């Protein structure tokens, strides 16, 4: 499964939505700090990556945060 698919599945679950586009904006979807913290925790538990809060604020779509996570994986030993 691609990173974007996993990220989108996490977002769908946390936003309690059937479908979210890779280009939907976190804040436009109604995202708030509690949802952001739950998503951050899910990234650690399910994807094995720790995404700093500032990166979640900078990368507000599934596509952009997925690209960020992929960049972490290519740098990690």
N, C-alpha and C. Protein backbone atom coordinates (compact mmCIF):
# COMPACT_ATOMS: atom_id res chain seq x y z
N UNK A 1 0.85 -1.20 0.00
CA UNK A 1 0.00 0.00 0.00
C UNK A 1 0.89 1.25 0.00
N UNK A 2 0.53 2.19 -0.82
CA UNK A 2 1.30 3.43 -0.88
C UNK A 2 1.05 4.28 0.37
N UNK A 3 2.04 5.11 0.68
CA UNK A 3 1.93 5.99 1.85
C UNK A 3 0.65 6.84 1.76
N UNK A 4 0.39 7.40 0.59
CA UNK A 4 -0.79 8.27 0.45
C UNK A 4 -2.08 7.53 0.77
N UNK A 5 -2.16 6.25 0.41
CA UNK A 5 -3.36 5.47 0.72
C UNK A 5 -3.52 5.32 2.23
N UNK A 6 -2.42 5.05 2.91
CA UNK A 6 -2.45 4.90 4.37
C UNK A 6 -2.82 6.22 5.05
N UNK A 7 -2.20 7.30 4.58
CA UNK A 7 -2.49 8.62 5.16
C UNK A 7 -3.96 8.97 4.94
N UNK A 8 -4.46 8.73 3.74
CA UNK A 8 -5.86 9.05 3.43
C UNK A 8 -6.80 8.22 4.31
N UNK A 9 -6.48 6.95 4.53
CA UNK A 9 -7.30 6.09 5.37
C UNK A 9 -7.35 6.63 6.81
N UNK A 10 -6.20 7.09 7.30
CA UNK A 10 -6.13 7.68 8.65
C UNK A 10 -6.98 8.94 8.71
N UNK A 11 -6.85 9.81 7.71
CA UNK A 11 -7.64 11.04 7.69
C UNK A 11 -9.12 10.72 7.63
N UNK A 12 -9.52 9.80 6.78
CA UNK A 12 -10.94 9.43 6.68
C UNK A 12 -11.47 8.98 8.03
N UNK A 13 -10.70 8.15 8.71
CA UNK A 13 -11.12 7.65 10.02
C UNK A 13 -11.23 8.79 11.03
N UNK A 14 -10.22 9.63 11.10
CA UNK A 14 -10.21 10.69 12.12
C UNK A 14 -11.22 11.80 11.83
N UNK A 15 -11.49 12.05 10.56
CA UNK A 15 -12.50 13.04 10.21
C UNK A 15 -13.90 12.43 10.13
N UNK A 16 -13.96 11.10 10.27
CA UNK A 16 -15.22 10.36 10.17
C UNK A 16 -15.93 10.66 8.85
N UNK A 17 -15.17 10.51 7.76
CA UNK A 17 -15.67 10.73 6.41
C UNK A 17 -15.41 9.49 5.57
N UNK A 18 -16.29 9.25 4.63
CA UNK A 18 -16.13 8.11 3.71
C UNK A 18 -14.97 8.34 2.74
N UNK A 19 -14.86 9.57 2.28
CA UNK A 19 -13.90 9.87 1.22
C UNK A 19 -13.24 11.22 1.45
N UNK A 20 -11.94 11.26 1.25
CA UNK A 20 -11.17 12.50 1.30
C UNK A 20 -10.23 12.46 0.11
N UNK A 21 -10.17 13.56 -0.62
CA UNK A 21 -9.26 13.65 -1.77
C UNK A 21 -7.84 13.92 -1.28
N UNK A 22 -6.86 13.53 -2.06
CA UNK A 22 -5.47 13.80 -1.68
C UNK A 22 -5.18 15.29 -1.67
N UNK A 23 -6.05 16.09 -2.29
CA UNK A 23 -5.85 17.54 -2.34
C UNK A 23 -6.74 18.32 -1.38
N UNK A 24 -7.59 17.63 -0.62
CA UNK A 24 -8.42 18.32 0.37
C UNK A 24 -7.54 18.89 1.48
N UNK A 25 -7.85 20.12 1.89
CA UNK A 25 -7.06 20.79 2.92
C UNK A 25 -7.55 20.41 4.32
N UNK A 26 -6.61 20.12 5.20
CA UNK A 26 -6.90 19.72 6.57
C UNK A 26 -7.86 20.70 7.25
N UNK A 27 -7.54 21.98 7.14
CA UNK A 27 -8.35 22.99 7.84
C UNK A 27 -9.69 23.22 7.14
N UNK A 28 -9.72 23.13 5.83
CA UNK A 28 -10.99 23.27 5.10
C UNK A 28 -11.95 22.13 5.44
N UNK A 29 -11.38 20.97 5.79
CA UNK A 29 -12.21 19.82 6.19
C UNK A 29 -12.76 19.98 7.61
N UNK A 30 -12.29 21.01 8.31
CA UNK A 30 -12.73 21.22 9.69
C UNK A 30 -11.71 20.71 10.69
N UNK A 31 -10.49 20.53 10.24
CA UNK A 31 -9.44 20.02 11.12
C UNK A 31 -9.14 20.97 12.27
N UNK A 32 -8.84 20.38 13.42
CA UNK A 32 -8.49 21.17 14.60
C UNK A 32 -7.33 20.47 15.33
N UNK A 33 -6.90 21.04 16.44
CA UNK A 33 -5.73 20.51 17.14
C UNK A 33 -5.95 19.09 17.65
N UNK A 34 -7.17 18.76 18.08
CA UNK A 34 -7.42 17.41 18.59
C UNK A 34 -7.30 16.37 17.47
N UNK A 35 -7.86 16.69 16.30
CA UNK A 35 -7.76 15.78 15.17
C UNK A 35 -6.29 15.66 14.75
N UNK A 36 -5.58 16.78 14.76
CA UNK A 36 -4.18 16.77 14.36
C UNK A 36 -3.35 15.86 15.28
N UNK A 37 -3.61 15.93 16.57
CA UNK A 37 -2.88 15.09 17.54
C UNK A 37 -3.21 13.62 17.31
N UNK A 38 -4.47 13.30 17.03
CA UNK A 38 -4.84 11.91 16.76
C UNK A 38 -4.18 11.41 15.48
N UNK A 39 -4.13 12.25 14.46
CA UNK A 39 -3.47 11.87 13.21
C UNK A 39 -1.97 11.67 13.46
N UNK A 40 -1.37 12.56 14.21
CA UNK A 40 0.06 12.44 14.52
C UNK A 40 0.33 11.12 15.23
N UNK A 41 -0.52 10.74 16.18
CA UNK A 41 -0.37 9.47 16.88
C UNK A 41 -0.54 8.28 15.97
N UNK A 42 -1.50 8.37 15.05
CA UNK A 42 -1.73 7.29 14.10
C UNK A 42 -0.54 7.11 13.16
N UNK A 43 0.10 8.22 12.77
CA UNK A 43 1.29 8.12 11.93
C UNK A 43 2.38 7.33 12.66
N UNK A 44 2.54 7.58 13.95
CA UNK A 44 3.55 6.86 14.74
C UNK A 44 3.19 5.39 14.84
N UNK A 45 1.94 5.10 15.24
CA UNK A 45 1.52 3.72 15.46
C UNK A 45 1.42 2.90 14.18
N UNK A 46 0.85 3.49 13.14
CA UNK A 46 0.55 2.72 11.93
C UNK A 46 1.62 2.81 10.85
N UNK A 47 2.32 3.95 10.78
CA UNK A 47 3.31 4.13 9.73
C UNK A 47 4.74 4.10 10.27
N UNK A 48 4.87 4.19 11.59
CA UNK A 48 6.20 4.14 12.18
C UNK A 48 7.02 5.40 11.96
N UNK A 49 6.35 6.53 11.72
CA UNK A 49 7.06 7.79 11.53
C UNK A 49 6.51 8.85 12.47
N UNK A 50 7.42 9.65 13.00
CA UNK A 50 7.01 10.76 13.86
C UNK A 50 7.05 12.03 13.03
N UNK A 51 5.88 12.62 12.82
CA UNK A 51 5.77 13.84 12.03
C UNK A 51 5.62 15.01 13.00
N UNK A 52 6.59 15.92 13.02
CA UNK A 52 6.49 17.07 13.93
C UNK A 52 5.25 17.91 13.64
N UNK A 53 4.72 18.50 14.68
CA UNK A 53 3.50 19.30 14.56
C UNK A 53 3.65 20.41 13.52
N UNK A 54 4.82 21.05 13.46
CA UNK A 54 4.99 22.13 12.49
C UNK A 54 4.85 21.62 11.05
N UNK A 55 5.26 20.37 10.81
CA UNK A 55 5.12 19.80 9.47
C UNK A 55 3.65 19.52 9.14
N UNK A 56 2.87 19.18 10.15
CA UNK A 56 1.44 18.98 9.93
C UNK A 56 0.75 20.30 9.57
N UNK A 57 1.25 21.41 10.16
CA UNK A 57 0.69 22.72 9.82
C UNK A 57 1.13 23.17 8.43
N UNK A 58 2.35 22.79 8.03
CA UNK A 58 2.87 23.20 6.71
C UNK A 58 2.32 22.34 5.58
N UNK A 59 2.10 21.06 5.85
CA UNK A 59 1.64 20.10 4.84
C UNK A 59 0.20 19.73 5.14
N UNK A 60 -0.72 20.49 4.59
CA UNK A 60 -2.12 20.38 5.01
C UNK A 60 -2.99 19.54 4.09
N UNK A 61 -2.36 18.80 3.17
CA UNK A 61 -3.14 17.88 2.33
C UNK A 61 -2.54 16.49 2.45
N UNK A 62 -3.33 15.48 2.11
CA UNK A 62 -2.84 14.10 2.11
C UNK A 62 -1.61 14.00 1.19
N UNK A 63 -1.69 14.65 0.03
CA UNK A 63 -0.58 14.59 -0.93
C UNK A 63 0.71 15.17 -0.35
N UNK A 64 0.62 16.34 0.27
CA UNK A 64 1.84 16.99 0.75
C UNK A 64 2.42 16.29 1.98
N UNK A 65 1.57 15.85 2.91
CA UNK A 65 2.11 15.17 4.09
C UNK A 65 2.65 13.79 3.70
N UNK A 66 2.05 13.16 2.71
CA UNK A 66 2.56 11.87 2.23
C UNK A 66 3.94 12.04 1.61
N UNK A 67 4.12 13.11 0.84
CA UNK A 67 5.43 13.39 0.25
C UNK A 67 6.46 13.64 1.34
N UNK A 68 6.06 14.35 2.39
CA UNK A 68 6.97 14.60 3.51
C UNK A 68 7.36 13.28 4.18
N UNK A 69 6.39 12.41 4.44
CA UNK A 69 6.66 11.12 5.08
C UNK A 69 7.59 10.28 4.19
N UNK A 70 7.34 10.29 2.89
CA UNK A 70 8.21 9.55 1.99
C UNK A 70 9.63 10.10 2.02
N UNK A 71 9.78 11.41 2.15
CA UNK A 71 11.12 11.98 2.23
C UNK A 71 11.83 11.54 3.50
N UNK A 72 11.09 11.35 4.57
CA UNK A 72 11.68 10.86 5.83
C UNK A 72 12.21 9.43 5.64
N UNK A 73 11.44 8.63 4.95
CA UNK A 73 11.81 7.23 4.76
C UNK A 73 13.04 7.08 3.87
N UNK A 74 13.25 8.00 2.94
CA UNK A 74 14.41 7.89 2.06
C UNK A 74 15.67 8.36 2.78
N UNK A 75 15.51 9.23 3.80
CA UNK A 75 16.65 9.73 4.55
C UNK A 75 17.05 8.75 5.65
N UNK A 76 16.06 8.08 6.22
CA UNK A 76 16.33 7.18 7.35
C UNK A 76 17.22 6.01 6.92
N UNK A 77 18.13 5.61 7.82
CA UNK A 77 19.04 4.49 7.48
C UNK A 77 18.33 3.16 7.37
